[in-house]
Amino acid sequence: MTKVTMYSTGLCPFCQRAEQILLRKGVTDLNKILVDVDVSEREAMIARTGRRTVPQIFIGDLHVGGFDDLAELDRKGCLTLMLTR
């Protein structure tokens, strides 16, 4: 399974929903970076993605975007393939 990294906050409902999709797809080793705990991680997220909102999700080194983007990949049937590369 491809490594998945998600920039998140502790109370974000979209982050929780994204995590549920990933768990349902078999992701067991999610690297969750809490940007509300460490401000430097928020700055790193913005520098890496150009976005300020969470979640921001990476499958391997590919930035797939936020929750809506992840859900769209799942609906189109692309997410499983991306996770198993």
C-alpha atoms as a PDB file:
ATOM      1  CA  MET A   1       0.000   0.000   0.000  1.00  0.00           C
ATOM      2  CA  THR A   2       1.265   3.456  -0.926  1.00  0.00           C
ATOM      3  CA  LYS A   3       2.131   5.760   1.972  1.00  0.00           C
ATOM      4  CA  VAL A   4      -0.582   8.329   2.740  1.00  0.00           C
ATOM      5  CA  THR A   5       0.057  11.629   4.525  1.00  0.00           C
ATOM      6  CA  MET A   6      -2.761  13.890   5.672  1.00  0.00           C
ATOM      7  CA  TYR A   7      -2.400  17.373   7.112  1.00  0.00           C
ATOM      8  CA  SER A   8      -5.239  17.692   9.590  1.00  0.00           C
ATOM      9  CA  THR A   9      -6.561  19.272  12.778  1.00  0.00           C
ATOM     10  CA  GLY A  10      -8.006  17.532  15.793  1.00  0.00           C
ATOM     11  CA  LEU A  11     -11.576  18.755  15.309  1.00  0.00           C
ATOM     12  CA  CYS A  12     -11.987  18.964  11.533  1.00  0.00           C
ATOM     13  CA  PRO A  13     -15.054  16.965  10.377  1.00  0.00           C
ATOM     14  CA  PHE A  14     -13.767  16.810   6.785  1.00  0.00           C
ATOM     15  CA  CYS A  15     -10.483  15.374   8.064  1.00  0.00           C
ATOM     16  CA  GLN A  16     -12.401  12.710   9.973  1.00  0.00           C
ATOM     17  CA  ARG A  17     -14.459  11.861   6.893  1.00  0.00           C
ATOM     18  CA  ALA A  18     -11.326  11.652   4.735  1.00  0.00           C
ATOM     19  CA  GLU A  19      -9.723   9.346   7.284  1.00  0.00           C
ATOM     20  CA  GLN A  20     -12.811   7.110   7.212  1.00  0.00           C
ATOM     21  CA  ILE A  21     -12.581   6.792   3.421  1.00  0.00           C
ATOM     22  CA  LEU A  22      -8.902   5.900   3.684  1.00  0.00           C
ATOM     23  CA  LEU A  23      -9.539   3.334   6.429  1.00  0.00           C
ATOM     24  CA  ARG A  24     -12.321   1.783   4.361  1.00  0.00           C
ATOM     25  CA  LYS A  25      -9.839   1.483   1.477  1.00  0.00           C
ATOM     26  CA  GLY A  26      -7.393  -0.400   3.702  1.00  0.00           C
ATOM     27  CA  VAL A  27      -4.970   2.358   4.687  1.00  0.00           C
ATOM     28  CA  THR A  28      -3.637   1.279   8.071  1.00  0.00           C
ATOM     29  CA  ASP A  29      -0.541   3.459   8.328  1.00  0.00           C
ATOM     30  CA  LEU A  30      -1.828   7.001   7.868  1.00  0.00           C
ATOM     31  CA  ASN A  31       0.766   9.666   8.577  1.00  0.00           C
ATOM     32  CA  LYS A  32      -1.479  12.314  10.123  1.00  0.00           C
ATOM     33  CA  ILE A  33       0.175  15.685  10.714  1.00  0.00           C
ATOM     34  CA  LEU A  34      -1.789  17.875  13.125  1.00  0.00           C
ATOM     35  CA  VAL A  35      -1.277  21.466  12.025  1.00  0.00           C
ATOM     36  CA  ASP A  36      -3.214  22.863  14.983  1.00  0.00           C
ATOM     37  CA  VAL A  37      -0.635  21.400  17.367  1.00  0.00           C
ATOM     38  CA  ASP A  38       2.486  22.601  15.558  1.00  0.00           C
ATOM     39  CA  VAL A  39       2.382  25.936  13.719  1.00  0.00           C
ATOM     40  CA  SER A  40       5.527  25.066  11.775  1.00  0.00           C
ATOM     41  CA  GLU A  41       3.670  22.092  10.274  1.00  0.00           C
ATOM     42  CA  ARG A  42       0.894  24.434   9.079  1.00  0.00           C
ATOM     43  CA  GLU A  43       3.522  26.608   7.424  1.00  0.00           C
ATOM     44  CA  ALA A  44       5.089  23.508   5.835  1.00  0.00           C
ATOM     45  CA  MET A  45       1.646  22.432   4.556  1.00  0.00           C
ATOM     46  CA  ILE A  46       1.013  25.833   2.975  1.00  0.00           C
ATOM     47  CA  ALA A  47       4.464  25.851   1.376  1.00  0.00           C
ATOM     48  CA  ARG A  48       3.976  22.302   0.063  1.00  0.00           C
ATOM     49  CA  THR A  49       0.401  22.664  -1.230  1.00  0.00           C
ATOM     50  CA  GLY A  50      -0.295  26.366  -1.654  1.00  0.00           C
ATOM     51  CA  ARG A  51      -3.478  25.810   0.354  1.00  0.00           C
ATOM     52  CA  ARG A  52      -4.479  26.866   3.859  1.00  0.00           C
ATOM     53  CA  THR A  53      -7.383  24.508   4.534  1.00  0.00           C
ATOM     54  CA  VAL A  54      -7.374  20.978   5.922  1.00  0.00           C
ATOM     55  CA  PRO A  55      -7.333  18.208   5.120  1.00  0.00           C
ATOM     56  CA  GLN A  56      -4.550  18.197   2.563  1.00  0.00           C
ATOM     57  CA  ILE A  57      -3.836  14.649   1.436  1.00  0.00           C
ATOM     58  CA  PHE A  58      -0.843  13.089  -0.270  1.00  0.00           C
ATOM     59  CA  ILE A  59      -0.743   9.604  -1.717  1.00  0.00           C
ATOM     60  CA  GLY A  60       2.954   8.923  -1.988  1.00  0.00           C
ATOM     61  CA  ASP A  61       4.379  12.214  -3.229  1.00  0.00           C
ATOM     62  CA  LEU A  62       1.230  13.128  -5.179  1.00  0.00           C
ATOM     63  CA  HIS A  63      -0.925  15.881  -3.669  1.00  0.00           C
ATOM     64  CA  VAL A  64      -4.522  14.782  -4.273  1.00  0.00           C
ATOM     65  CA  GLY A  65      -6.083  17.763  -2.502  1.00  0.00           C
ATOM     66  CA  GLY A  66      -8.697  17.904   0.221  1.00  0.00           C
ATOM     67  CA  PHE A  67     -11.721  15.863   1.241  1.00  0.00           C
ATOM     68  CA  ASP A  68     -13.814  16.709  -1.823  1.00  0.00           C
ATOM     69  CA  ASP A  69     -10.955  15.708  -4.117  1.00  0.00           C
ATOM     70  CA  LEU A  70     -10.414  12.426  -2.248  1.00  0.00           C
ATOM     71  CA  ALA A  71     -14.134  11.612  -2.310  1.00  0.00           C
ATOM     72  CA  GLU A  72     -14.259  12.331  -6.056  1.00  0.00           C
ATOM     73  CA  LEU A  73     -11.322   9.976  -6.685  1.00  0.00           C
ATOM     74  CA  ASP A  74     -13.176   7.327  -4.690  1.00  0.00           C
ATOM     75  CA  ARG A  75     -16.433   7.853  -6.632  1.00  0.00           C
ATOM     76  CA  LYS A  76     -14.573   7.568  -9.940  1.00  0.00           C
ATOM     77  CA  GLY A  77     -12.905   4.338  -8.847  1.00  0.00           C
ATOM     78  CA  CYS A  78      -9.388   5.803  -9.055  1.00  0.00           C
ATOM     79  CA  LEU A  79      -8.536   5.826  -5.356  1.00  0.00           C
ATOM     80  CA  THR A  80      -8.005   2.080  -4.960  1.00  0.00           C
ATOM     81  CA  LEU A  81      -5.595   2.017  -7.880  1.00  0.00           C
ATOM     82  CA  MET A  82      -3.661   4.998  -6.529  1.00  0.00           C
ATOM     83  CA  LEU A  83      -3.334   3.393  -3.105  1.00  0.00           C
ATOM     84  CA  THR A  84      -2.024   0.089  -4.459  1.00  0.00           C
ATOM     85  CA  ARG A  85       0.718   1.451  -6.731  1.00  0.00           C
END
